[in-house]
Structures are given as C-alpha cells and as structure tokens.
Protein backbone atom coordinates (compact mmCIF):
# COMPACT_ATOMS: atom_id res chain seq x y z
CA UNK A 1 -32.28 -12.12 -36.96
CA UNK A 2 -30.06 -14.93 -35.70
CA UNK A 3 -26.98 -13.07 -36.97
CA UNK A 4 -28.09 -9.92 -35.15
CA UNK A 5 -28.65 -11.81 -31.90
CA UNK A 6 -25.29 -13.56 -32.23
CA UNK A 7 -23.55 -10.25 -32.85
CA UNK A 8 -25.29 -8.69 -29.84
CA UNK A 9 -24.19 -11.56 -27.60
CA UNK A 10 -20.59 -11.32 -28.81
CA UNK A 11 -20.51 -7.56 -28.24
CA UNK A 12 -21.95 -8.04 -24.76
CA UNK A 13 -19.36 -10.69 -23.89
CA UNK A 14 -16.59 -8.49 -25.25
CA UNK A 15 -17.71 -5.57 -23.08
CA UNK A 16 -17.84 -7.83 -20.03
CA UNK A 17 -14.27 -9.00 -20.63
CA UNK A 18 -13.05 -5.43 -20.97
CA UNK A 19 -14.88 -4.47 -17.76
CA UNK A 20 -13.41 -7.43 -15.91
CA UNK A 21 -9.89 -6.52 -17.05
CA UNK A 22 -10.22 -2.88 -16.02
CA UNK A 23 -8.44 -2.28 -12.68
CA UNK A 24 -10.70 -1.37 -9.79
CA UNK A 25 -9.82 1.90 -8.11
CA UNK A 26 -9.98 2.78 -4.42
CA UNK A 27 -13.15 4.35 -3.04
CA UNK A 28 -13.16 8.14 -2.92
CA UNK A 29 -11.83 9.47 0.37
CA UNK A 30 -14.52 10.92 2.61
CA UNK A 31 -14.17 13.99 4.78
CA UNK A 32 -14.67 11.97 7.96
CA UNK A 33 -11.21 10.39 8.11
CA UNK A 34 -9.41 10.74 11.46
CA UNK A 35 -5.70 11.59 11.43
CA UNK A 36 -3.60 9.23 13.58
CA UNK A 37 -0.29 11.12 13.41
CA UNK A 38 0.28 14.81 14.14
CA UNK A 39 3.54 15.10 12.21
CA UNK A 40 5.41 16.35 15.28
CA UNK A 41 5.73 13.55 17.83
CA UNK A 42 4.57 10.00 18.58
CA UNK A 43 1.58 10.98 20.72
CA UNK A 44 -0.96 8.16 20.56
CA UNK A 45 1.68 5.59 19.56
CA UNK A 46 3.81 3.21 21.61
CA UNK A 47 7.03 1.63 20.34
CA UNK A 48 10.68 1.13 21.24
CA UNK A 49 12.05 4.69 21.62
CA UNK A 50 15.46 3.46 20.50
CA UNK A 51 14.02 2.48 17.12
CA UNK A 52 11.07 4.82 16.44
CA UNK A 53 11.12 8.60 16.07
CA UNK A 54 9.70 11.49 14.06
CA UNK A 55 12.01 12.64 11.28
CA UNK A 56 11.18 15.41 8.82
CA UNK A 57 7.49 15.20 9.74
CA UNK A 58 7.07 11.43 9.24
CA UNK A 59 7.16 8.36 11.49
CA UNK A 60 10.64 6.90 11.08
CA UNK A 61 11.56 3.40 12.24
CA UNK A 62 15.13 2.19 11.89
CA UNK A 63 17.35 -0.66 13.05
CA UNK A 64 21.14 -0.64 12.79
CA UNK A 65 24.03 -2.96 13.56
CA UNK A 66 24.28 -1.26 16.94
CA UNK A 67 20.53 -0.97 17.57
CA UNK A 68 19.01 -4.27 16.52
CA UNK A 69 15.40 -5.38 16.82
CA UNK A 70 15.04 -8.14 19.38
CA UNK A 71 12.61 -10.08 17.24
CA UNK A 72 10.00 -8.39 15.07
CA UNK A 73 8.95 -5.19 16.81
CA UNK A 74 6.12 -2.72 16.27
CA UNK A 75 4.89 0.74 17.05
CA UNK A 76 1.29 0.38 18.21
CA UNK A 77 -1.56 2.88 17.84
CA UNK A 78 -2.97 3.24 21.36
CA UNK A 79 -6.05 5.42 20.81
CA UNK A 80 -8.37 2.83 19.33
CA UNK A 81 -8.79 -0.51 17.57
CA UNK A 82 -9.53 -1.65 14.05
CA UNK A 83 -12.74 -3.56 13.36
CA UNK A 84 -14.63 -2.51 10.24
CA UNK A 85 -12.55 0.35 8.86
CA UNK A 86 -10.87 2.18 6.01
CA UNK A 87 -7.19 2.99 6.57
CA UNK A 88 -5.07 5.24 4.37
CA UNK A 89 -1.36 6.02 4.58
CA UNK A 90 1.80 6.51 2.57
CA UNK A 91 4.99 4.52 3.16
CA UNK A 92 8.49 4.03 1.90
CA UNK A 93 11.26 1.67 3.04
CA UNK A 94 14.61 0.33 1.91
CA UNK A 95 15.16 -3.08 0.34
CA UNK A 96 17.37 -4.71 2.98
CA UNK A 97 14.39 -6.09 4.92
CA UNK A 98 10.60 -5.77 5.04
CA UNK A 99 7.97 -3.96 7.07
CA UNK A 100 4.23 -4.24 7.50
CA UNK A 101 0.94 -2.78 8.67
CA UNK A 102 -0.83 -4.83 11.32
CA UNK A 103 -4.59 -4.58 11.73
CA UNK A 104 -7.25 -6.49 13.66
CA UNK A 105 -4.24 -7.78 15.58
CA UNK A 106 -3.33 -8.67 19.16
CA UNK A 107 -0.63 -7.13 21.34
CA UNK A 108 1.31 -10.03 22.87
CA UNK A 109 2.93 -9.32 26.24
CA UNK A 110 3.92 -12.74 27.60
CA UNK A 111 6.77 -15.00 26.47
CA UNK A 112 8.08 -12.54 23.87
CA UNK A 113 11.46 -10.93 23.11
CA UNK A 114 10.32 -7.31 23.41
CA UNK A 115 7.38 -5.26 24.72
CA UNK A 116 5.96 -4.48 21.30
CA UNK A 117 5.06 -7.82 19.71
CA UNK A 118 1.89 -8.00 17.62
CA UNK A 119 0.19 -10.95 15.93
CA UNK A 120 -2.54 -11.01 13.32
CA UNK A 121 -3.26 -9.79 9.79
CA UNK A 122 -0.30 -7.98 8.23
CA UNK A 123 -0.27 -5.94 5.05
CA UNK A 124 3.26 -6.68 3.84
CA UNK A 125 5.48 -3.73 2.91
CA UNK A 126 8.57 -4.15 0.70
CA UNK A 127 10.67 -2.01 -1.60
CA UNK A 128 10.37 -4.60 -4.38
CA UNK A 129 8.28 -4.75 -7.53
CA UNK A 130 8.51 -8.35 -8.76
CA UNK A 131 5.66 -10.65 -7.76
CA UNK A 132 5.12 -12.43 -5.42
CA UNK A 133 7.59 -10.86 -2.94
CA UNK A 134 6.01 -7.41 -2.98
CA UNK A 135 3.96 -5.05 -0.88
CA UNK A 136 0.31 -5.84 -0.39
CA UNK A 137 -0.01 -9.52 0.43
CA UNK A 138 -1.59 -10.62 3.73
CA UNK A 139 0.80 -12.36 6.10
CA UNK A 140 -0.41 -14.15 9.22
CA UNK A 141 2.11 -12.56 11.60
CA UNK A 142 2.80 -14.94 14.47
CA UNK A 143 0.15 -17.36 13.20
CA UNK A 144 -0.13 -20.65 11.34
CA UNK A 145 -1.13 -19.64 7.84
CA UNK A 146 1.90 -17.76 6.49
CA UNK A 147 1.07 -15.86 3.30
CA UNK A 148 -2.69 -15.98 3.52
CA UNK A 149 -3.43 -14.16 0.26
CA UNK A 150 -0.93 -12.88 -2.32
CA UNK A 151 -0.89 -9.53 -4.07
CA UNK A 152 -2.86 -9.87 -7.28
CA UNK A 153 -5.24 -12.48 -5.90
CA UNK A 154 -8.96 -12.53 -5.31
CA UNK A 155 -9.38 -15.41 -2.89
CA UNK A 156 -11.40 -17.03 -0.12
CA UNK A 157 -10.09 -19.02 2.84
CA UNK A 158 -12.48 -21.83 3.69
CA UNK A 159 -12.19 -25.43 4.82
CA UNK A 160 -8.61 -24.97 5.97
CA UNK A 161 -7.23 -23.70 2.65
CA UNK A 162 -7.17 -20.82 0.21
CA UNK A 163 -9.26 -20.88 -2.94
CA UNK A 164 -8.15 -18.36 -5.58
CA UNK A 165 -11.15 -17.13 -7.56
CA UNK A 166 -9.65 -14.37 -9.67
CA UNK A 167 -6.64 -12.30 -10.71
CA UNK A 168 -6.50 -8.54 -10.12
CA UNK A 169 -3.08 -7.53 -11.47
CA UNK A 170 -0.28 -9.27 -13.35
CA UNK A 171 3.49 -9.02 -12.89
CA UNK A 172 4.02 -6.43 -15.61
CA UNK A 173 1.26 -4.16 -14.35
CA UNK A 174 2.52 -4.37 -10.76
CA UNK A 175 6.04 -3.36 -11.81
CA UNK A 176 4.57 -0.25 -13.42
CA UNK A 177 2.32 0.47 -10.44
CA UNK A 178 4.85 0.28 -7.59
CA UNK A 179 7.27 3.16 -7.07
CA UNK A 180 10.69 1.84 -6.08
CA UNK A 181 12.61 4.00 -3.57
CA UNK A 182 9.66 6.38 -3.28
CA UNK A 183 6.41 6.96 -1.43
CA UNK A 184 3.55 4.58 -2.21
CA UNK A 185 -0.06 5.02 -1.12
CA UNK A 186 -1.95 2.24 0.68
CA UNK A 187 -5.67 1.87 1.32
CA UNK A 188 -6.99 -1.01 3.42
CA UNK A 189 -10.73 -1.62 3.61
CA UNK A 190 -11.97 -4.29 6.02
CA UNK A 191 -15.67 -4.96 6.46
CA UNK A 192 -16.97 -8.16 7.99
CA UNK A 193 -14.81 -11.02 6.74
CA UNK A 194 -13.83 -9.25 3.52
CA UNK A 195 -10.52 -7.37 3.19
CA UNK A 196 -9.33 -5.27 0.26
CA UNK A 197 -5.85 -3.81 -0.27
CA UNK A 198 -5.28 -0.94 -2.71
CA UNK A 199 -1.87 0.28 -3.88
CA UNK A 200 -1.57 3.68 -5.53
CA UNK A 201 -5.35 3.74 -6.07
CA UNK A 202 -5.51 0.25 -7.64
CA UNK A 203 -7.09 -2.86 -6.09
CA UNK A 204 -4.37 -5.49 -5.69
CA UNK A 205 -5.94 -7.92 -3.19
CA UNK A 206 -9.51 -8.99 -2.39
CA UNK A 207 -9.73 -11.60 0.36
CA UNK A 208 -12.62 -13.19 2.23
CA UNK A 209 -11.72 -15.08 5.40
CA UNK A 210 -14.36 -17.70 6.21
CA UNK A 211 -12.30 -19.67 8.74
CA UNK A 212 -14.47 -19.92 11.88
CA UNK A 213 -11.47 -20.04 14.22
CA UNK A 214 -8.68 -18.10 12.51
CA UNK A 215 -10.54 -15.17 10.95
CA UNK A 216 -9.91 -11.94 12.87
CA UNK A 217 -12.64 -9.38 13.46
CA UNK A 218 -11.10 -6.70 15.70
CA UNK A 219 -7.74 -5.70 17.15
CA UNK A 220 -4.88 -3.24 17.27
CA UNK A 221 -3.22 -1.27 14.49
CA UNK A 222 0.60 -1.29 14.37
CA UNK A 223 3.59 -0.68 12.09
CA UNK A 224 6.50 -3.13 11.86
CA UNK A 225 10.28 -3.17 11.94
CA UNK A 226 11.45 -6.66 11.00
CA UNK A 227 14.21 -8.49 12.86
CA UNK A 228 17.42 -9.31 11.00
CA UNK A 229 19.20 -7.05 8.54
CA UNK A 230 19.35 -3.34 9.43
CA UNK A 231 16.49 -1.45 7.81
CA UNK A 232 14.33 1.64 7.88
CA UNK A 233 10.68 2.35 7.12
CA UNK A 234 8.72 5.60 7.08
CA UNK A 235 5.02 6.44 7.29
CA UNK A 236 2.97 9.59 6.80
CA UNK A 237 -0.59 10.83 6.22
CA UNK A 238 -2.00 8.05 8.43
CA UNK A 239 -5.77 8.33 8.71
CA UNK A 240 -8.69 6.05 9.47
CA UNK A 241 -12.45 5.90 9.19
CA UNK A 242 -14.50 3.42 11.18
CA UNK A 243 -17.22 1.77 9.09
CA UNK A 244 -20.51 1.42 11.02
C-alpha cells in the first residue's frame, strides 16, 4: 500500500514537472480583432514622413546617414489607446540597431528632439537570437527602470525591485524559436497589472507590475525607430482587441 502511494506521488510529481516545462502557447485569435493598418497608406498613424512610409504593403521605417533620427522617434497610432488589450502583429528588422512596440505609453511634446517622442512600456524588437539582448523584453522607454523584465522571465515588480519567480524559455530554445532576418509574430496581452509577451506563439515573458507609482494602465500605441546607427524596421498584420 505504501509502495503504491509512493509510486502514485512520484508519477504525479513527474507529470507536474513535464507540464511546467511545456511552453505556454498564445491564446487563440478571436474574430473581433480590429485591423490598425490598411496596407496602403499610413491613415490613422502619425510619424516623421521622412522616415516612415508604406512599402510593399507593410509599414516601413528607415533611417540613413542622410536621414537620421533626431533622438528615438516613433510612429503613433492615433485612433485609440491601449488599456486592457490583446495586440498582434508581425515584424522584421535589421541588426544594426533596435526597434520596439510602445503600449500604455505617453506622447511627449515638450522639451524633446522631435515631435514623435513616446515614453512608457516598450516591447523590445531586435534581429538577434542570443539572450538577453533579444526581442521581447520590457524596456522602460524614457523612464527610470531600464530593462524591467527580460525575455524568458516570469517576474513581479514590487517594493522598488524585480522579483523573478520563474523561467519560461532558455537560451537554446529561444535561438530555435526566433527567425533571424525574417518575419516574427508578436502577441502582447495586457490585463490589469499583468503583461504577457508571446513570440511565434510561445510565451516568453510574464510580468506583473505592482509599483503604485510607476505601473502604467493606459496610453498610446507606437512603433520605434532608434537613434544612432542607420536601420530599418517593418510591420504588418497589426490588429488589436480591447479586453473589457
């Protein structure tokens, strides 16, 4: 009897470990997603016309030696805000610099280098596959906290610091997951103070922001071109669902 109970407990624990190690996939896409880009022009978006355009049916942002970004600059979605939401898009970029997706952010218009400055939560975008300098971490753009939560982490911010409570993906698995020099799919789910980032249908970040002053609850959506080295970034299939 004792042997049977012991065996049952061991089997149960083994199953739990396997379940915990199994990657979590993105929620199924509903039919109520709203498209934010018509594939033809930048209607509903506002960015530097020297740097942002539509090319081959996608949003194309590019800086060059001749056309530099005067500080980090963004193209901002003007037809709504992000509060509790599910955002889906595909992106690709080169490796000379980095890009990002801003959400629950603020458009800054005073004391800045250009008219399209945004601060707040940023989903980092990079054409790199070696942790930790990869797509998917949360960066506090224009804020005090820097890299708030890294790709692969399950974490909570409380009491002025981050507490990592779990690991979602390791370095080897991320290298296999990310598609260098190709389109990658992003899903961002934000509900209350919990934020989840999915890459190519796999959960890579699960963050709960309990800071009473720094946690963001609502704000603009924007796409970034980073200052510095010339770069390009492209976006397509941008769609959103507000979560009631």
